[in-house]
PDB file of N, CA and C in Angstrom:
ATOM      1  N   MET A   1      19.292 -19.637  -5.066  1.00  0.00           N
ATOM      2  CA  MET A   1      18.430 -19.953  -6.181  1.00  0.00           C
ATOM      3  C   MET A   1      17.646 -21.251  -5.918  1.00  0.00           C
ATOM      4  N   LYS A   2      18.285 -22.240  -5.348  1.00  0.00           N
ATOM      5  CA  LYS A   2      17.585 -23.491  -5.042  1.00  0.00           C
ATOM      6  C   LYS A   2      16.432 -23.244  -4.080  1.00  0.00           C
ATOM      7  N   ASP A   3      16.660 -22.366  -3.093  1.00  0.00           N
ATOM      8  CA  ASP A   3      15.610 -22.046  -2.128  1.00  0.00           C
ATOM      9  C   ASP A   3      14.427 -21.382  -2.826  1.00  0.00           C
ATOM     10  N   LEU A   4      14.718 -20.495  -3.761  1.00  0.00           N
ATOM     11  CA  LEU A   4      13.665 -19.798  -4.490  1.00  0.00           C
ATOM     12  C   LEU A   4      12.824 -20.792  -5.296  1.00  0.00           C
ATOM     13  N   ILE A   5      13.464 -21.665  -6.017  1.00  0.00           N
ATOM     14  CA  ILE A   5      12.738 -22.652  -6.819  1.00  0.00           C
ATOM     15  C   ILE A   5      11.944 -23.606  -5.925  1.00  0.00           C
ATOM     16  N   ALA A   6      12.545 -24.013  -4.825  1.00  0.00           N
ATOM     17  CA  ALA A   6      11.838 -24.900  -3.890  1.00  0.00           C
ATOM     18  C   ALA A   6      10.587 -24.221  -3.350  1.00  0.00           C
ATOM     19  N   LYS A   7      10.694 -22.947  -3.034  1.00  0.00           N
ATOM     20  CA  LYS A   7       9.533 -22.219  -2.510  1.00  0.00           C
ATOM     21  C   LYS A   7       8.488 -22.014  -3.605  1.00  0.00           C
ATOM     22  N   LEU A   8       8.916 -21.778  -4.845  1.00  0.00           N
ATOM     23  CA  LEU A   8       7.982 -21.621  -5.957  1.00  0.00           C
ATOM     24  C   LEU A   8       7.182 -22.904  -6.175  1.00  0.00           C
ATOM     25  N   GLU A   9       7.842 -24.022  -6.102  1.00  0.00           N
ATOM     26  CA  GLU A   9       7.196 -25.303  -6.394  1.00  0.00           C
ATOM     27  C   GLU A   9       6.093 -25.673  -5.407  1.00  0.00           C
ATOM     28  N   VAL A  10       6.127 -25.107  -4.209  1.00  0.00           N
ATOM     29  CA  VAL A  10       5.123 -25.487  -3.205  1.00  0.00           C
ATOM     30  C   VAL A  10       4.077 -24.405  -2.939  1.00  0.00           C
ATOM     31  N   VAL A  11       4.057 -23.353  -3.749  1.00  0.00           N
ATOM     32  CA  VAL A  11       3.056 -22.300  -3.548  1.00  0.00           C
ATOM     33  C   VAL A  11       1.665 -22.882  -3.774  1.00  0.00           C
ATOM     34  N   LYS A  12       0.813 -22.692  -2.759  1.00  0.00           N
ATOM     35  CA  LYS A  12      -0.563 -23.186  -2.862  1.00  0.00           C
ATOM     36  C   LYS A  12      -1.563 -22.285  -2.147  1.00  0.00           C
ATOM     37  N   ASP A  13      -1.056 -21.394  -1.280  1.00  0.00           N
ATOM     38  CA  ASP A  13      -1.932 -20.527  -0.506  1.00  0.00           C
ATOM     39  C   ASP A  13      -1.168 -19.257  -0.147  1.00  0.00           C
ATOM     40  N   GLU A  14      -1.812 -18.377   0.616  1.00  0.00           N
ATOM     41  CA  GLU A  14      -1.179 -17.103   0.952  1.00  0.00           C
ATOM     42  C   GLU A  14       0.133 -17.302   1.717  1.00  0.00           C
ATOM     43  N   LYS A  15       0.136 -18.196   2.676  1.00  0.00           N
ATOM     44  CA  LYS A  15       1.332 -18.405   3.488  1.00  0.00           C
ATOM     45  C   LYS A  15       2.509 -18.871   2.636  1.00  0.00           C
ATOM     46  N   SER A  16       2.295 -19.845   1.775  1.00  0.00           N
ATOM     47  CA  SER A  16       3.390 -20.344   0.934  1.00  0.00           C
ATOM     48  C   SER A  16       3.779 -19.314  -0.134  1.00  0.00           C
ATOM     49  N   PHE A  17       2.802 -18.513  -0.594  1.00  0.00           N
ATOM     50  CA  PHE A  17       3.122 -17.444  -1.539  1.00  0.00           C
ATOM     51  C   PHE A  17       4.027 -16.406  -0.889  1.00  0.00           C
ATOM     52  N   LEU A  18       3.708 -16.017   0.331  1.00  0.00           N
ATOM     53  CA  LEU A  18       4.535 -15.013   1.012  1.00  0.00           C
ATOM     54  C   LEU A  18       5.940 -15.538   1.283  1.00  0.00           C
ATOM     55  N   ALA A  19       6.078 -16.820   1.578  1.00  0.00           N
ATOM     56  CA  ALA A  19       7.411 -17.413   1.748  1.00  0.00           C
ATOM     57  C   ALA A  19       8.180 -17.342   0.426  1.00  0.00           C
ATOM     58  N   PHE A  20       7.497 -17.636  -0.688  1.00  0.00           N
ATOM     59  CA  PHE A  20       8.120 -17.508  -2.007  1.00  0.00           C
ATOM     60  C   PHE A  20       8.491 -16.057  -2.269  1.00  0.00           C
ATOM     61  N   PHE A  21       7.597 -15.134  -1.980  1.00  0.00           N
ATOM     62  CA  PHE A  21       7.829 -13.710  -2.245  1.00  0.00           C
ATOM     63  C   PHE A  21       9.050 -13.198  -1.472  1.00  0.00           C
ATOM     64  N   ARG A  22       9.194 -13.649  -0.239  1.00  0.00           N
ATOM     65  CA  ARG A  22      10.384 -13.288   0.543  1.00  0.00           C
ATOM     66  C   ARG A  22      11.653 -13.858  -0.106  1.00  0.00           C
ATOM     67  N   ALA A  23      11.577 -15.092  -0.567  1.00  0.00           N
ATOM     68  CA  ALA A  23      12.725 -15.717  -1.236  1.00  0.00           C
ATOM     69  C   ALA A  23      13.045 -14.992  -2.543  1.00  0.00           C
ATOM     70  N   LEU A  24      12.022 -14.511  -3.252  1.00  0.00           N
ATOM     71  CA  LEU A  24      12.228 -13.746  -4.478  1.00  0.00           C
ATOM     72  C   LEU A  24      12.967 -12.446  -4.176  1.00  0.00           C
ATOM     73  N   ARG A  25      12.563 -11.760  -3.115  1.00  0.00           N
ATOM     74  CA  ARG A  25      13.241 -10.525  -2.714  1.00  0.00           C
ATOM     75  C   ARG A  25      14.698 -10.800  -2.372  1.00  0.00           C
ATOM     76  N   LYS A  26      14.938 -11.878  -1.646  1.00  0.00           N
ATOM     77  CA  LYS A  26      16.309 -12.241  -1.281  1.00  0.00           C
ATOM     78  C   LYS A  26      17.128 -12.571  -2.530  1.00  0.00           C
ATOM     79  N   ASP A  27      16.519 -13.263  -3.483  1.00  0.00           N
ATOM     80  CA  ASP A  27      17.210 -13.575  -4.730  1.00  0.00           C
ATOM     81  C   ASP A  27      17.602 -12.294  -5.453  1.00  0.00           C
ATOM     82  N   ARG A  28      16.717 -11.333  -5.492  1.00  0.00           N
ATOM     83  CA  ARG A  28      17.016 -10.041  -6.132  1.00  0.00           C
ATOM     84  C   ARG A  28      18.176  -9.354  -5.424  1.00  0.00           C
ATOM     85  N   GLU A  29      18.160  -9.416  -4.114  1.00  0.00           N
ATOM     86  CA  GLU A  29      19.199  -8.772  -3.308  1.00  0.00           C
ATOM     87  C   GLU A  29      20.566  -9.416  -3.553  1.00  0.00           C
ATOM     88  N   THR A  30      20.608 -10.725  -3.674  1.00  0.00           N
ATOM     89  CA  THR A  30      21.888 -11.435  -3.776  1.00  0.00           C
ATOM     90  C   THR A  30      22.304 -11.771  -5.209  1.00  0.00           C
ATOM     91  N   ASN A  31      21.364 -11.759  -6.144  1.00  0.00           N
ATOM     92  CA  ASN A  31      21.671 -12.143  -7.528  1.00  0.00           C
ATOM     93  C   ASN A  31      21.152 -11.128  -8.543  1.00  0.00           C
ATOM     94  N   ALA A  32      21.207  -9.860  -8.218  1.00  0.00           N
ATOM     95  CA  ALA A  32      20.639  -8.833  -9.092  1.00  0.00           C
ATOM     96  C   ALA A  32      21.211  -8.898 -10.506  1.00  0.00           C
ATOM     97  N   GLY A  33      22.456  -9.298 -10.645  1.00  0.00           N
ATOM     98  CA  GLY A  33      23.079  -9.361 -11.963  1.00  0.00           C
ATOM     99  C   GLY A  33      22.462 -10.394 -12.883  1.00  0.00           C
ATOM    100  N   SER A  34      21.800 -11.386 -12.317  1.00  0.00           N
ATOM    101  CA  SER A  34      21.185 -12.422 -13.156  1.00  0.00           C
ATOM    102  C   SER A  34      19.747 -12.068 -13.540  1.00  0.00           C
ATOM    103  N   TRP A  35      19.226 -11.007 -12.979  1.00  0.00           N
ATOM    104  CA  TRP A  35      17.882 -10.561 -13.335  1.00  0.00           C
ATOM    105  C   TRP A  35      17.974  -9.748 -14.625  1.00  0.00           C
ATOM    106  N   GLY A  36      16.980  -9.816 -15.452  1.00  0.00           N
ATOM    107  CA  GLY A  36      16.991  -9.106 -16.725  1.00  0.00           C
ATOM    108  C   GLY A  36      16.688  -7.624 -16.613  1.00  0.00           C
ATOM    109  N   SER A  37      16.193  -7.179 -15.485  1.00  0.00           N
ATOM    110  CA  SER A  37      15.777  -5.783 -15.321  1.00  0.00           C
ATOM    111  C   SER A  37      16.445  -5.168 -14.112  1.00  0.00           C
ATOM    112  N   GLU A  38      16.864  -3.929 -14.285  1.00  0.00           N
ATOM    113  CA  GLU A  38      17.440  -3.198 -13.153  1.00  0.00           C
ATOM    114  C   GLU A  38      16.365  -2.434 -12.388  1.00  0.00           C
ATOM    115  N   LYS A  39      15.382  -1.916 -13.102  1.00  0.00           N
ATOM    116  CA  LYS A  39      14.346  -1.097 -12.472  1.00  0.00           C
ATOM    117  C   LYS A  39      13.075  -1.909 -12.262  1.00  0.00           C
ATOM    118  N   ILE A  40      12.362  -1.588 -11.199  1.00  0.00           N
ATOM    119  CA  ILE A  40      11.146  -2.314 -10.846  1.00  0.00           C
ATOM    120  C   ILE A  40      10.115  -2.247 -11.966  1.00  0.00           C
ATOM    121  N   GLU A  41       9.994  -1.094 -12.603  1.00  0.00           N
ATOM    122  CA  GLU A  41       8.995  -0.978 -13.663  1.00  0.00           C
ATOM    123  C   GLU A  41       9.324  -1.893 -14.854  1.00  0.00           C
ATOM    124  N   ASP A  42      10.614  -2.078 -15.130  1.00  0.00           N
ATOM    125  CA  ASP A  42      11.015  -2.994 -16.203  1.00  0.00           C
ATOM    126  C   ASP A  42      10.755  -4.448 -15.807  1.00  0.00           C
ATOM    127  N   TYR A  43      11.007  -4.768 -14.551  1.00  0.00           N
ATOM    128  CA  TYR A  43      10.725  -6.119 -14.051  1.00  0.00           C
ATOM    129  C   TYR A  43       9.225  -6.418 -14.124  1.00  0.00           C
ATOM    130  N   LEU A  44       8.408  -5.473 -13.693  1.00  0.00           N
ATOM    131  CA  LEU A  44       6.957  -5.685 -13.735  1.00  0.00           C
ATOM    132  C   LEU A  44       6.460  -5.822 -15.176  1.00  0.00           C
ATOM    133  N   GLU A  45       7.010  -5.027 -16.079  1.00  0.00           N
ATOM    134  CA  GLU A  45       6.636  -5.142 -17.493  1.00  0.00           C
ATOM    135  C   GLU A  45       7.050  -6.495 -18.058  1.00  0.00           C
ATOM    136  N   ALA A  46       8.236  -6.974 -17.693  1.00  0.00           N
ATOM    137  CA  ALA A  46       8.688  -8.295 -18.145  1.00  0.00           C
ATOM    138  C   ALA A  46       7.770  -9.387 -17.593  1.00  0.00           C
ATOM    139  N   SER A  47       7.327  -9.228 -16.358  1.00  0.00           N
ATOM    140  CA  SER A  47       6.405 -10.205 -15.762  1.00  0.00           C
ATOM    141  C   SER A  47       5.088 -10.244 -16.518  1.00  0.00           C
ATOM    142  N   VAL A  48       4.557  -9.077 -16.849  1.00  0.00           N
ATOM    143  CA  VAL A  48       3.307  -9.001 -17.616  1.00  0.00           C
ATOM    144  C   VAL A  48       3.511  -9.598 -19.011  1.00  0.00           C
ATOM    145  N   ALA A  49       4.620  -9.264 -19.641  1.00  0.00           N
ATOM    146  CA  ALA A  49       4.901  -9.795 -20.982  1.00  0.00           C
ATOM    147  C   ALA A  49       4.981 -11.318 -20.950  1.00  0.00           C
ATOM    148  N   TRP A  50       5.647 -11.870 -19.948  1.00  0.00           N
ATOM    149  CA  TRP A  50       5.725 -13.326 -19.840  1.00  0.00           C
ATOM    150  C   TRP A  50       4.324 -13.917 -19.670  1.00  0.00           C
ATOM    151  N   ALA A  51       3.516 -13.315 -18.807  1.00  0.00           N
ATOM    152  CA  ALA A  51       2.164 -13.831 -18.562  1.00  0.00           C
ATOM    153  C   ALA A  51       1.336 -13.820 -19.845  1.00  0.00           C
ATOM    154  N   GLU A  52       1.509 -12.792 -20.658  1.00  0.00           N
ATOM    155  CA  GLU A  52       0.770 -12.704 -21.920  1.00  0.00           C
ATOM    156  C   GLU A  52       1.306 -13.682 -22.966  1.00  0.00           C
ATOM    157  N   ASP A  53       2.600 -13.960 -22.922  1.00  0.00           N
ATOM    158  CA  ASP A  53       3.245 -14.821 -23.920  1.00  0.00           C
ATOM    159  C   ASP A  53       3.290 -16.289 -23.520  1.00  0.00           C
ATOM    160  N   PHE A  54       2.896 -16.634 -22.296  1.00  0.00           N
ATOM    161  CA  PHE A  54       3.082 -17.992 -21.775  1.00  0.00           C
ATOM    162  C   PHE A  54       2.522 -19.066 -22.696  1.00  0.00           C
ATOM    163  N   LYS A  55       1.475 -18.733 -23.414  1.00  0.00           N
ATOM    164  CA  LYS A  55       0.818 -19.743 -24.249  1.00  0.00           C
ATOM    165  C   LYS A  55       1.749 -20.302 -25.324  1.00  0.00           C
ATOM    166  N   ASP A  56       2.803 -19.568 -25.639  1.00  0.00           N
ATOM    167  CA  ASP A  56       3.767 -20.005 -26.649  1.00  0.00           C
ATOM    168  C   ASP A  56       4.923 -20.793 -26.052  1.00  0.00           C
ATOM    169  N   ILE A  57       4.919 -20.983 -24.753  1.00  0.00           N
ATOM    170  CA  ILE A  57       6.017 -21.678 -24.082  1.00  0.00           C
ATOM    171  C   ILE A  57       5.638 -23.141 -23.913  1.00  0.00           C
ATOM    172  N   GLN A  58       6.360 -24.015 -24.573  1.00  0.00           N
ATOM    173  CA  GLN A  58       6.065 -25.443 -24.491  1.00  0.00           C
ATOM    174  C   GLN A  58       6.332 -25.964 -23.090  1.00  0.00           C
ATOM    175  N   GLY A  59       5.469 -26.843 -22.648  1.00  0.00           N
ATOM    176  CA  GLY A  59       5.661 -27.491 -21.359  1.00  0.00           C
ATOM    177  C   GLY A  59       5.094 -26.726 -20.175  1.00  0.00           C
ATOM    178  N   TYR A  60       4.592 -25.509 -20.399  1.00  0.00           N
ATOM    179  CA  TYR A  60       4.005 -24.756 -19.289  1.00  0.00           C
ATOM    180  C   TYR A  60       2.494 -24.825 -19.389  1.00  0.00           C
ATOM    181  N   SER A  61       1.856 -25.138 -18.287  1.00  0.00           N
ATOM    182  CA  SER A  61       0.402 -25.072 -18.236  1.00  0.00           C
ATOM    183  C   SER A  61       0.011 -24.187 -17.057  1.00  0.00           C
ATOM    184  N   VAL A  62      -0.995 -23.392 -17.268  1.00  0.00           N
ATOM    185  CA  VAL A  62      -1.457 -22.453 -16.257  1.00  0.00           C
ATOM    186  C   VAL A  62      -2.004 -23.212 -15.058  1.00  0.00           C
ATOM    187  N   SER A  63      -1.553 -22.827 -13.895  1.00  0.00           N
ATOM    188  CA  SER A  63      -2.043 -23.435 -12.663  1.00  0.00           C
ATOM    189  C   SER A  63      -3.479 -22.989 -12.402  1.00  0.00           C
ATOM    190  N   ASP A  64      -4.275 -23.898 -11.869  1.00  0.00           N
ATOM    191  CA  ASP A  64      -5.634 -23.556 -11.452  1.00  0.00           C
ATOM    192  C   ASP A  64      -5.620 -22.732 -10.173  1.00  0.00           C
ATOM    193  N   ASN A  65      -4.514 -22.773  -9.461  1.00  0.00           N
ATOM    194  CA  ASN A  65      -4.381 -22.065  -8.199  1.00  0.00           C
ATOM    195  C   ASN A  65      -3.859 -20.649  -8.469  1.00  0.00           C
ATOM    196  N   PRO A  66      -4.643 -19.612  -8.136  1.00  0.00           N
ATOM    197  CA  PRO A  66      -4.205 -18.246  -8.431  1.00  0.00           C
ATOM    198  C   PRO A  66      -2.927 -17.838  -7.694  1.00  0.00           C
ATOM    199  N   TRP A  67      -2.689 -18.363  -6.497  1.00  0.00           N
ATOM    200  CA  TRP A  67      -1.448 -18.052  -5.777  1.00  0.00           C
ATOM    201  C   TRP A  67      -0.245 -18.562  -6.567  1.00  0.00           C
ATOM    202  N   LYS A  68      -0.353 -19.773  -7.091  1.00  0.00           N
ATOM    203  CA  LYS A  68       0.740 -20.365  -7.871  1.00  0.00           C
ATOM    204  C   LYS A  68       0.924 -19.627  -9.188  1.00  0.00           C
ATOM    205  N   ARG A  69      -0.178 -19.253  -9.824  1.00  0.00           N
ATOM    206  CA  ARG A  69      -0.092 -18.520 -11.096  1.00  0.00           C
ATOM    207  C   ARG A  69       0.651 -17.208 -10.916  1.00  0.00           C
ATOM    208  N   VAL A  70       0.315 -16.446  -9.884  1.00  0.00           N
ATOM    209  CA  VAL A  70       0.993 -15.176  -9.635  1.00  0.00           C
ATOM    210  C   VAL A  70       2.474 -15.414  -9.310  1.00  0.00           C
ATOM    211  N   ALA A  71       2.775 -16.442  -8.539  1.00  0.00           N
ATOM    212  CA  ALA A  71       4.165 -16.765  -8.227  1.00  0.00           C
ATOM    213  C   ALA A  71       4.933 -17.100  -9.510  1.00  0.00           C
ATOM    214  N   ASP A  72       4.326 -17.862 -10.407  1.00  0.00           N
ATOM    215  CA  ASP A  72       4.971 -18.186 -11.681  1.00  0.00           C
ATOM    216  C   ASP A  72       5.260 -16.917 -12.482  1.00  0.00           C
ATOM    217  N   ILE A  73       4.296 -16.014 -12.526  1.00  0.00           N
ATOM    218  CA  ILE A  73       4.467 -14.761 -13.273  1.00  0.00           C
ATOM    219  C   ILE A  73       5.624 -13.955 -12.695  1.00  0.00           C
ATOM    220  N   LEU A  74       5.656 -13.812 -11.383  1.00  0.00           N
ATOM    221  CA  LEU A  74       6.733 -13.044 -10.744  1.00  0.00           C
ATOM    222  C   LEU A  74       8.087 -13.708 -10.937  1.00  0.00           C
ATOM    223  N   TYR A  75       8.118 -15.021 -10.816  1.00  0.00           N
ATOM    224  CA  TYR A  75       9.380 -15.744 -10.987  1.00  0.00           C
ATOM    225  C   TYR A  75       9.908 -15.585 -12.417  1.00  0.00           C
ATOM    226  N   CYS A  76       9.065 -15.771 -13.383  1.00  0.00           N
ATOM    227  CA  CYS A  76       9.511 -15.729 -14.778  1.00  0.00           C
ATOM    228  C   CYS A  76       9.841 -14.322 -15.244  1.00  0.00           C
ATOM    229  N   GLY A  77       9.268 -13.320 -14.598  1.00  0.00           N
ATOM    230  CA  GLY A  77       9.605 -11.941 -14.926  1.00  0.00           C
ATOM    231  C   GLY A  77      11.043 -11.568 -14.610  1.00  0.00           C
ATOM    232  N   ARG A  78      11.686 -12.376 -13.766  1.00  0.00           N
ATOM    233  CA  ARG A  78      13.094 -12.120 -13.389  1.00  0.00           C
ATOM    234  C   ARG A  78      14.006 -12.053 -14.605  1.00  0.00           C
ATOM    235  N   THR A  79      13.778 -12.898 -15.574  1.00  0.00           N
ATOM    236  CA  THR A  79      14.721 -13.008 -16.690  1.00  0.00           C
ATOM    237  C   THR A  79      14.066 -12.863 -18.058  1.00  0.00           C
ATOM    238  N   TYR A  80      12.762 -12.635 -18.095  1.00  0.00           N
ATOM    239  CA  TYR A  80      12.062 -12.552 -19.389  1.00  0.00           C
ATOM    240  C   TYR A  80      12.335 -11.222 -20.044  1.00  0.00           C
ATOM    241  N   HIS A  81      12.516 -11.245 -21.342  1.00  0.00           N
ATOM    242  CA  HIS A  81      12.748  -9.987 -22.099  1.00  0.00           C
ATOM    243  C   HIS A  81      11.707  -9.857 -23.169  1.00  0.00           C
TER     244      HIS A  81
END
């Protein structure tokens, strides 16, 4: 989990996004029980729901960097309901 968060925090371009994406896959593989969704379609829906609801989350501001924004959406979809 620490590796995943560390990789999320430094996403700025395609290379760093892909490193984060690999860490996200590994997190799913090793910590599936902590994810809110069992099926990919439920995870993707949770990611979209989080992206639409983000404006109500205090302390979060949308990144100007699209690579970071997508990484945030994917990361938060892990546990969003």
